[in-house]
Amino acid sequence: MQKLKQIDWESGMSESISFLLLFPFVLTCMYIMFYAMQTSYVRQSLQYTVYCATRAAVVYDNYDDGVAKANEVVDKALPHGRMGITWTQYTLTGVGSNGSRWSKGVLKEGTLQAQIKSLLPYQGMRYRTVSANIIMMVERPV
């Protein structure tokens, strides 16, 4: 505090000193802005991918084939490392999710979770799990 009082703020160095004092705040604001952009882009990609994966799953007539095809779609659309994604998990729930044949008109809920490695350098906010879900009807005729 004594050092701040000794500085002649009217000299030409005041801009440099004030910039150095404000630099951590400006840098933190930039990190938060990039983090918000990354999170919104990943959420948008997850929403589209869960739509495509669930759409691919409900055209099959049983759970095992549908989930296998959905996981294939997820792996192609969201490879690990892209957009900071470290892992993904797709689940399909609803009536007939125990491996039996599905009937037309049954609702299925597809949920896709992904963990992203954040751009924020802070330890507590380094990894975040985001998810997206959608409900679709089985379309395959009986």
N, C-alpha and C. Protein backbone atom coordinates (compact mmCIF):
# COMPACT_ATOMS: atom_id res chain seq x y z
N MET A 1 0.82 -1.19 0.00
CA MET A 1 0.00 0.00 0.00
C MET A 1 0.86 1.25 0.00
N GLN A 2 1.98 1.19 0.70
CA GLN A 2 2.90 2.34 0.72
C GLN A 2 3.44 2.61 -0.68
N LYS A 3 3.71 1.54 -1.44
CA LYS A 3 4.25 1.71 -2.79
C LYS A 3 3.25 2.43 -3.70
N LEU A 4 1.96 2.12 -3.54
CA LEU A 4 0.95 2.77 -4.37
C LEU A 4 0.83 4.25 -4.05
N LYS A 5 1.06 4.62 -2.80
CA LYS A 5 0.99 6.02 -2.43
C LYS A 5 2.20 6.80 -2.92
N GLN A 6 3.32 6.13 -3.10
CA GLN A 6 4.54 6.79 -3.55
C GLN A 6 4.56 7.03 -5.06
N ILE A 7 3.68 6.39 -5.80
CA ILE A 7 3.68 6.53 -7.26
C ILE A 7 3.09 7.87 -7.65
N ASP A 8 3.77 8.53 -8.55
CA ASP A 8 3.26 9.80 -9.09
C ASP A 8 2.30 9.46 -10.23
N TRP A 9 1.01 9.47 -9.94
CA TRP A 9 0.00 9.02 -10.89
C TRP A 9 -0.19 10.00 -12.04
N GLU A 10 0.35 11.19 -11.94
CA GLU A 10 0.19 12.18 -13.01
C GLU A 10 1.31 12.09 -14.04
N SER A 11 2.31 11.27 -13.79
CA SER A 11 3.38 11.13 -14.76
C SER A 11 2.96 10.16 -15.86
N GLY A 12 3.79 9.95 -16.84
CA GLY A 12 3.47 9.09 -17.98
C GLY A 12 3.41 7.62 -17.66
N MET A 13 3.93 7.21 -16.51
CA MET A 13 3.93 5.79 -16.14
C MET A 13 2.59 5.32 -15.59
N SER A 14 1.67 6.22 -15.32
CA SER A 14 0.42 5.82 -14.69
C SER A 14 -0.40 4.91 -15.59
N GLU A 15 -0.36 5.11 -16.91
CA GLU A 15 -1.10 4.23 -17.82
C GLU A 15 -0.56 2.81 -17.76
N SER A 16 0.76 2.70 -17.72
CA SER A 16 1.38 1.37 -17.68
C SER A 16 1.06 0.67 -16.37
N ILE A 17 1.13 1.40 -15.29
CA ILE A 17 0.86 0.80 -13.98
C ILE A 17 -0.60 0.40 -13.86
N SER A 18 -1.50 1.26 -14.31
CA SER A 18 -2.92 0.92 -14.23
C SER A 18 -3.24 -0.25 -15.15
N PHE A 19 -2.57 -0.34 -16.30
CA PHE A 19 -2.78 -1.50 -17.18
C PHE A 19 -2.33 -2.78 -16.50
N LEU A 20 -1.19 -2.74 -15.83
CA LEU A 20 -0.71 -3.93 -15.13
C LEU A 20 -1.62 -4.32 -13.99
N LEU A 21 -2.24 -3.34 -13.35
CA LEU A 21 -3.17 -3.66 -12.26
C LEU A 21 -4.48 -4.23 -12.80
N LEU A 22 -4.90 -3.79 -13.97
CA LEU A 22 -6.17 -4.26 -14.54
C LEU A 22 -6.01 -5.50 -15.43
N PHE A 23 -4.79 -5.86 -15.79
CA PHE A 23 -4.56 -6.97 -16.71
C PHE A 23 -5.14 -8.30 -16.21
N PRO A 24 -4.97 -8.68 -14.93
CA PRO A 24 -5.59 -9.95 -14.48
C PRO A 24 -7.11 -9.95 -14.61
N PHE A 25 -7.73 -8.82 -14.35
CA PHE A 25 -9.19 -8.72 -14.49
C PHE A 25 -9.62 -8.88 -15.95
N VAL A 26 -8.91 -8.22 -16.86
CA VAL A 26 -9.22 -8.32 -18.28
C VAL A 26 -9.01 -9.75 -18.77
N LEU A 27 -7.92 -10.37 -18.35
CA LEU A 27 -7.63 -11.75 -18.75
C LEU A 27 -8.70 -12.71 -18.24
N THR A 28 -9.16 -12.52 -17.00
CA THR A 28 -10.22 -13.36 -16.45
C THR A 28 -11.51 -13.19 -17.24
N CYS A 29 -11.84 -11.97 -17.62
CA CYS A 29 -13.04 -11.73 -18.43
C CYS A 29 -12.95 -12.43 -19.78
N MET A 30 -11.76 -12.41 -20.39
CA MET A 30 -11.58 -13.10 -21.67
C MET A 30 -11.73 -14.60 -21.51
N TYR A 31 -11.17 -15.17 -20.44
CA TYR A 31 -11.31 -16.61 -20.19
C TYR A 31 -12.77 -16.99 -20.02
N ILE A 32 -13.51 -16.19 -19.28
CA ILE A 32 -14.93 -16.48 -19.07
C ILE A 32 -15.70 -16.39 -20.38
N MET A 33 -15.36 -15.44 -21.24
CA MET A 33 -16.03 -15.31 -22.53
C MET A 33 -15.74 -16.54 -23.42
N PHE A 34 -14.47 -16.96 -23.46
CA PHE A 34 -14.12 -18.14 -24.25
C PHE A 34 -14.78 -19.40 -23.69
N TYR A 35 -14.87 -19.50 -22.36
CA TYR A 35 -15.52 -20.65 -21.72
C TYR A 35 -17.00 -20.70 -22.09
N ALA A 36 -17.66 -19.56 -22.08
CA ALA A 36 -19.08 -19.52 -22.45
C ALA A 36 -19.27 -19.90 -23.91
N MET A 37 -18.39 -19.45 -24.78
CA MET A 37 -18.49 -19.82 -26.20
C MET A 37 -18.26 -21.31 -26.39
N GLN A 38 -17.27 -21.88 -25.70
CA GLN A 38 -16.99 -23.30 -25.83
C GLN A 38 -18.16 -24.14 -25.32
N THR A 39 -18.69 -23.77 -24.17
CA THR A 39 -19.80 -24.53 -23.59
C THR A 39 -21.04 -24.47 -24.47
N SER A 40 -21.35 -23.30 -25.01
CA SER A 40 -22.55 -23.21 -25.85
C SER A 40 -22.36 -23.97 -27.16
N TYR A 41 -21.15 -23.96 -27.72
CA TYR A 41 -20.90 -24.72 -28.94
C TYR A 41 -21.00 -26.22 -28.69
N VAL A 42 -20.47 -26.68 -27.56
CA VAL A 42 -20.55 -28.11 -27.24
C VAL A 42 -22.00 -28.52 -26.99
N ARG A 43 -22.77 -27.69 -26.28
CA ARG A 43 -24.18 -28.01 -26.04
C ARG A 43 -24.97 -28.09 -27.34
N GLN A 44 -24.69 -27.18 -28.26
CA GLN A 44 -25.38 -27.21 -29.55
C GLN A 44 -25.00 -28.48 -30.31
N SER A 45 -23.73 -28.84 -30.30
CA SER A 45 -23.29 -30.07 -30.97
C SER A 45 -23.89 -31.31 -30.31
N LEU A 46 -23.99 -31.31 -28.98
CA LEU A 46 -24.60 -32.44 -28.29
C LEU A 46 -26.06 -32.59 -28.65
N GLN A 47 -26.77 -31.47 -28.71
CA GLN A 47 -28.20 -31.53 -29.03
C GLN A 47 -28.42 -32.11 -30.42
N TYR A 48 -27.63 -31.68 -31.38
CA TYR A 48 -27.78 -32.21 -32.74
C TYR A 48 -27.36 -33.67 -32.80
N THR A 49 -26.30 -34.03 -32.09
CA THR A 49 -25.82 -35.41 -32.12
C THR A 49 -26.81 -36.36 -31.44
N VAL A 50 -27.41 -35.95 -30.32
CA VAL A 50 -28.38 -36.82 -29.66
C VAL A 50 -29.62 -36.98 -30.54
N TYR A 51 -29.97 -35.96 -31.29
CA TYR A 51 -31.08 -36.08 -32.25
C TYR A 51 -30.75 -37.13 -33.31
N CYS A 52 -29.56 -37.02 -33.90
CA CYS A 52 -29.17 -37.98 -34.96
C CYS A 52 -29.03 -39.39 -34.41
N ALA A 53 -28.46 -39.54 -33.22
CA ALA A 53 -28.25 -40.87 -32.64
C ALA A 53 -29.58 -41.52 -32.27
N THR A 54 -30.48 -40.77 -31.66
CA THR A 54 -31.77 -41.35 -31.29
C THR A 54 -32.60 -41.66 -32.52
N ARG A 55 -32.50 -40.82 -33.52
CA ARG A 55 -33.19 -41.08 -34.79
C ARG A 55 -32.68 -42.38 -35.42
N ALA A 56 -31.37 -42.59 -35.35
CA ALA A 56 -30.79 -43.84 -35.88
C ALA A 56 -31.21 -45.04 -35.04
N ALA A 57 -31.43 -44.84 -33.74
CA ALA A 57 -31.78 -45.96 -32.86
C ALA A 57 -33.23 -46.39 -33.02
N VAL A 58 -34.15 -45.45 -33.19
CA VAL A 58 -35.57 -45.82 -33.18
C VAL A 58 -36.04 -46.48 -34.47
N VAL A 59 -35.23 -46.50 -35.50
CA VAL A 59 -35.65 -47.19 -36.72
C VAL A 59 -35.36 -48.69 -36.65
N TYR A 60 -34.60 -49.13 -35.64
CA TYR A 60 -34.36 -50.57 -35.45
C TYR A 60 -35.50 -51.16 -34.63
N ASP A 61 -35.59 -52.49 -34.64
CA ASP A 61 -36.72 -53.11 -33.96
C ASP A 61 -36.37 -53.69 -32.58
N ASN A 62 -35.12 -53.56 -32.13
CA ASN A 62 -34.79 -53.98 -30.77
C ASN A 62 -33.74 -53.06 -30.16
N TYR A 63 -33.58 -53.19 -28.86
CA TYR A 63 -32.73 -52.28 -28.09
C TYR A 63 -31.26 -52.41 -28.46
N ASP A 64 -30.75 -53.62 -28.55
CA ASP A 64 -29.32 -53.83 -28.77
C ASP A 64 -28.85 -53.25 -30.10
N ASP A 65 -29.58 -53.53 -31.16
CA ASP A 65 -29.20 -52.99 -32.47
C ASP A 65 -29.32 -51.46 -32.50
N GLY A 66 -30.36 -50.95 -31.88
CA GLY A 66 -30.57 -49.50 -31.86
C GLY A 66 -29.48 -48.77 -31.12
N VAL A 67 -29.09 -49.25 -29.95
CA VAL A 67 -28.05 -48.59 -29.17
C VAL A 67 -26.69 -48.73 -29.85
N ALA A 68 -26.44 -49.87 -30.48
CA ALA A 68 -25.17 -50.05 -31.20
C ALA A 68 -25.05 -49.04 -32.34
N LYS A 69 -26.11 -48.84 -33.08
CA LYS A 69 -26.09 -47.87 -34.17
C LYS A 69 -25.98 -46.44 -33.63
N ALA A 70 -26.67 -46.16 -32.53
CA ALA A 70 -26.61 -44.82 -31.94
C ALA A 70 -25.20 -44.51 -31.43
N ASN A 71 -24.55 -45.48 -30.80
CA ASN A 71 -23.18 -45.26 -30.34
C ASN A 71 -22.22 -45.06 -31.50
N GLU A 72 -22.48 -45.73 -32.61
CA GLU A 72 -21.67 -45.54 -33.81
C GLU A 72 -21.81 -44.11 -34.34
N VAL A 73 -23.03 -43.59 -34.33
CA VAL A 73 -23.27 -42.21 -34.76
C VAL A 73 -22.58 -41.22 -33.83
N VAL A 74 -22.66 -41.47 -32.52
CA VAL A 74 -22.03 -40.57 -31.55
C VAL A 74 -20.51 -40.56 -31.73
N ASP A 75 -19.91 -41.72 -31.93
CA ASP A 75 -18.46 -41.79 -32.10
C ASP A 75 -17.99 -41.07 -33.35
N LYS A 76 -18.79 -41.12 -34.41
CA LYS A 76 -18.42 -40.41 -35.64
C LYS A 76 -18.62 -38.90 -35.50
N ALA A 77 -19.68 -38.49 -34.83
CA ALA A 77 -20.00 -37.07 -34.74
C ALA A 77 -19.16 -36.33 -33.70
N LEU A 78 -18.85 -36.99 -32.60
CA LEU A 78 -18.11 -36.34 -31.51
C LEU A 78 -16.87 -37.14 -31.14
N PRO A 79 -15.83 -37.10 -31.95
CA PRO A 79 -14.62 -37.83 -31.58
C PRO A 79 -13.97 -37.19 -30.35
N HIS A 80 -13.33 -38.03 -29.53
CA HIS A 80 -12.69 -37.53 -28.32
C HIS A 80 -11.54 -36.59 -28.70
N GLY A 81 -11.42 -35.51 -27.96
CA GLY A 81 -10.40 -34.51 -28.26
C GLY A 81 -10.94 -33.33 -29.04
N ARG A 82 -12.02 -33.53 -29.77
CA ARG A 82 -12.62 -32.43 -30.52
C ARG A 82 -13.44 -31.57 -29.57
N MET A 83 -13.29 -30.29 -29.65
CA MET A 83 -14.01 -29.32 -28.81
C MET A 83 -13.72 -29.52 -27.32
N GLY A 84 -12.63 -30.21 -26.98
CA GLY A 84 -12.30 -30.43 -25.58
C GLY A 84 -13.03 -31.59 -24.95
N ILE A 85 -13.70 -32.44 -25.75
CA ILE A 85 -14.47 -33.56 -25.20
C ILE A 85 -13.52 -34.67 -24.78
N THR A 86 -13.67 -35.12 -23.51
CA THR A 86 -12.81 -36.19 -23.01
C THR A 86 -13.52 -37.54 -23.02
N TRP A 87 -14.83 -37.57 -22.80
CA TRP A 87 -15.60 -38.82 -22.90
C TRP A 87 -17.05 -38.51 -23.21
N THR A 88 -17.72 -39.48 -23.82
CA THR A 88 -19.15 -39.37 -24.10
C THR A 88 -19.85 -40.65 -23.66
N GLN A 89 -21.13 -40.53 -23.32
CA GLN A 89 -21.93 -41.69 -22.92
C GLN A 89 -23.34 -41.49 -23.44
N TYR A 90 -23.81 -42.45 -24.21
CA TYR A 90 -25.17 -42.39 -24.76
C TYR A 90 -26.03 -43.45 -24.08
N THR A 91 -27.21 -43.06 -23.62
CA THR A 91 -28.15 -44.02 -23.03
C THR A 91 -29.51 -43.84 -23.70
N LEU A 92 -30.21 -44.95 -23.83
CA LEU A 92 -31.55 -44.95 -24.42
C LEU A 92 -32.48 -45.62 -23.43
N THR A 93 -33.49 -44.91 -23.00
CA THR A 93 -34.42 -45.45 -22.02
C THR A 93 -35.84 -45.40 -22.56
N GLY A 94 -36.70 -46.17 -21.94
CA GLY A 94 -38.10 -46.22 -22.34
C GLY A 94 -38.62 -47.63 -22.24
N VAL A 95 -39.87 -47.85 -22.62
CA VAL A 95 -40.49 -49.17 -22.59
C VAL A 95 -39.78 -50.08 -23.59
N GLY A 96 -39.46 -51.28 -23.18
CA GLY A 96 -38.82 -52.24 -24.07
C GLY A 96 -37.32 -52.07 -24.15
N SER A 97 -36.71 -51.44 -23.15
CA SER A 97 -35.25 -51.25 -23.16
C SER A 97 -34.50 -52.44 -22.60
N ASN A 98 -35.18 -53.55 -22.40
CA ASN A 98 -34.52 -54.73 -21.84
C ASN A 98 -34.11 -55.73 -22.92
N GLY A 99 -34.14 -55.34 -24.16
CA GLY A 99 -33.72 -56.23 -25.24
C GLY A 99 -34.87 -56.83 -26.01
N SER A 100 -36.11 -56.63 -25.58
CA SER A 100 -37.24 -57.19 -26.31
C SER A 100 -37.51 -56.36 -27.57
N ARG A 101 -38.38 -56.90 -28.42
CA ARG A 101 -38.73 -56.17 -29.65
C ARG A 101 -39.58 -54.96 -29.30
N TRP A 102 -39.37 -53.91 -30.05
CA TRP A 102 -40.12 -52.69 -29.82
C TRP A 102 -41.37 -52.70 -30.68
N SER A 103 -42.37 -51.99 -30.24
CA SER A 103 -43.57 -51.85 -31.06
C SER A 103 -43.68 -50.39 -31.50
N LYS A 104 -44.34 -50.19 -32.59
CA LYS A 104 -44.48 -48.86 -33.16
C LYS A 104 -45.30 -47.97 -32.21
N GLY A 105 -44.86 -46.73 -32.05
CA GLY A 105 -45.57 -45.78 -31.21
C GLY A 105 -45.05 -45.66 -29.80
N VAL A 106 -44.08 -46.49 -29.42
CA VAL A 106 -43.51 -46.41 -28.07
C VAL A 106 -42.50 -45.28 -28.02
N LEU A 107 -42.50 -44.51 -26.94
CA LEU A 107 -41.58 -43.38 -26.80
C LEU A 107 -40.26 -43.83 -26.19
N LYS A 108 -39.17 -43.31 -26.73
CA LYS A 108 -37.82 -43.58 -26.23
C LYS A 108 -37.14 -42.25 -25.94
N GLU A 109 -36.38 -42.22 -24.86
CA GLU A 109 -35.62 -41.02 -24.52
C GLU A 109 -34.14 -41.30 -24.69
N GLY A 110 -33.51 -40.53 -25.54
CA GLY A 110 -32.07 -40.63 -25.73
C GLY A 110 -31.36 -39.53 -24.96
N THR A 111 -30.33 -39.91 -24.22
CA THR A 111 -29.56 -38.94 -23.43
C THR A 111 -28.09 -39.10 -23.78
N LEU A 112 -27.45 -37.98 -24.05
CA LEU A 112 -26.04 -37.98 -24.37
C LEU A 112 -25.33 -37.08 -23.37
N GLN A 113 -24.35 -37.64 -22.68
CA GLN A 113 -23.54 -36.88 -21.74
C GLN A 113 -22.12 -36.82 -22.27
N ALA A 114 -21.49 -35.69 -22.06
CA ALA A 114 -20.10 -35.53 -22.47
C ALA A 114 -19.37 -34.71 -21.42
N GLN A 115 -18.13 -35.06 -21.20
CA GLN A 115 -17.30 -34.26 -20.31
C GLN A 115 -16.35 -33.44 -21.16
N ILE A 116 -16.32 -32.15 -20.91
CA ILE A 116 -15.45 -31.27 -21.69
C ILE A 116 -14.33 -30.74 -20.80
N LYS A 117 -13.18 -30.57 -21.41
CA LYS A 117 -12.06 -29.96 -20.73
C LYS A 117 -12.15 -28.47 -21.01
N SER A 118 -12.37 -27.72 -19.98
CA SER A 118 -12.65 -26.30 -20.10
C SER A 118 -11.40 -25.51 -20.51
N LEU A 119 -11.64 -24.35 -21.08
CA LEU A 119 -10.56 -23.44 -21.39
C LEU A 119 -10.12 -22.63 -20.18
N LEU A 120 -10.91 -22.70 -19.11
CA LEU A 120 -10.55 -21.95 -17.90
C LEU A 120 -9.35 -22.61 -17.22
N PRO A 121 -8.40 -21.81 -16.79
CA PRO A 121 -7.21 -22.39 -16.15
C PRO A 121 -7.40 -22.71 -14.68
N TYR A 122 -8.58 -22.47 -14.12
CA TYR A 122 -8.81 -22.68 -12.70
C TYR A 122 -9.08 -24.15 -12.43
N GLN A 123 -8.48 -24.67 -11.38
CA GLN A 123 -8.53 -26.11 -11.11
C GLN A 123 -9.93 -26.63 -10.85
N GLY A 124 -10.74 -25.92 -10.11
CA GLY A 124 -12.07 -26.40 -9.76
C GLY A 124 -13.03 -26.43 -10.94
N MET A 125 -12.76 -25.65 -11.97
CA MET A 125 -13.66 -25.56 -13.12
C MET A 125 -13.03 -26.16 -14.37
N ARG A 126 -12.05 -27.04 -14.20
CA ARG A 126 -11.31 -27.56 -15.34
C ARG A 126 -12.16 -28.51 -16.19
N TYR A 127 -12.94 -29.38 -15.57
CA TYR A 127 -13.77 -30.34 -16.31
C TYR A 127 -15.23 -30.08 -15.97
N ARG A 128 -16.07 -30.20 -16.98
CA ARG A 128 -17.51 -29.99 -16.77
C ARG A 128 -18.27 -31.03 -17.59
N THR A 129 -19.34 -31.56 -17.01
CA THR A 129 -20.18 -32.52 -17.72
C THR A 129 -21.42 -31.81 -18.21
N VAL A 130 -21.67 -31.92 -19.51
CA VAL A 130 -22.87 -31.34 -20.11
C VAL A 130 -23.67 -32.47 -20.73
N SER A 131 -24.98 -32.28 -20.85
CA SER A 131 -25.82 -33.33 -21.40
C SER A 131 -26.93 -32.74 -22.25
N ALA A 132 -27.48 -33.59 -23.08
CA ALA A 132 -28.62 -33.23 -23.92
C ALA A 132 -29.51 -34.45 -24.04
N ASN A 133 -30.81 -34.24 -24.13
CA ASN A 133 -31.72 -35.38 -24.28
C ASN A 133 -32.85 -35.01 -25.23
N ILE A 134 -33.48 -36.06 -25.75
CA ILE A 134 -34.58 -35.89 -26.68
C ILE A 134 -35.49 -37.11 -26.57
N ILE A 135 -36.75 -36.92 -26.84
CA ILE A 135 -37.72 -38.01 -26.81
C ILE A 135 -38.21 -38.24 -28.22
N MET A 136 -38.19 -39.50 -28.67
CA MET A 136 -38.67 -39.86 -30.01
C MET A 136 -39.56 -41.08 -29.93
N MET A 137 -40.33 -41.25 -30.98
CA MET A 137 -41.24 -42.39 -31.06
C MET A 137 -40.65 -43.44 -31.99
N VAL A 138 -40.81 -44.71 -31.64
CA VAL A 138 -40.33 -45.80 -32.48
C VAL A 138 -41.13 -45.78 -33.78
N GLU A 139 -40.40 -45.82 -34.90
CA GLU A 139 -41.07 -45.68 -36.20
C GLU A 139 -41.15 -46.97 -36.99
N ARG A 140 -40.43 -47.96 -36.57
CA ARG A 140 -40.39 -49.18 -37.36
C ARG A 140 -41.76 -49.87 -37.32
N PRO A 141 -42.31 -50.21 -38.46
CA PRO A 141 -43.62 -50.89 -38.47
C PRO A 141 -43.51 -52.29 -37.89
N VAL A 142 -44.60 -52.75 -37.34
CA VAL A 142 -44.64 -54.07 -36.70
C VAL A 142 -44.62 -55.16 -37.75
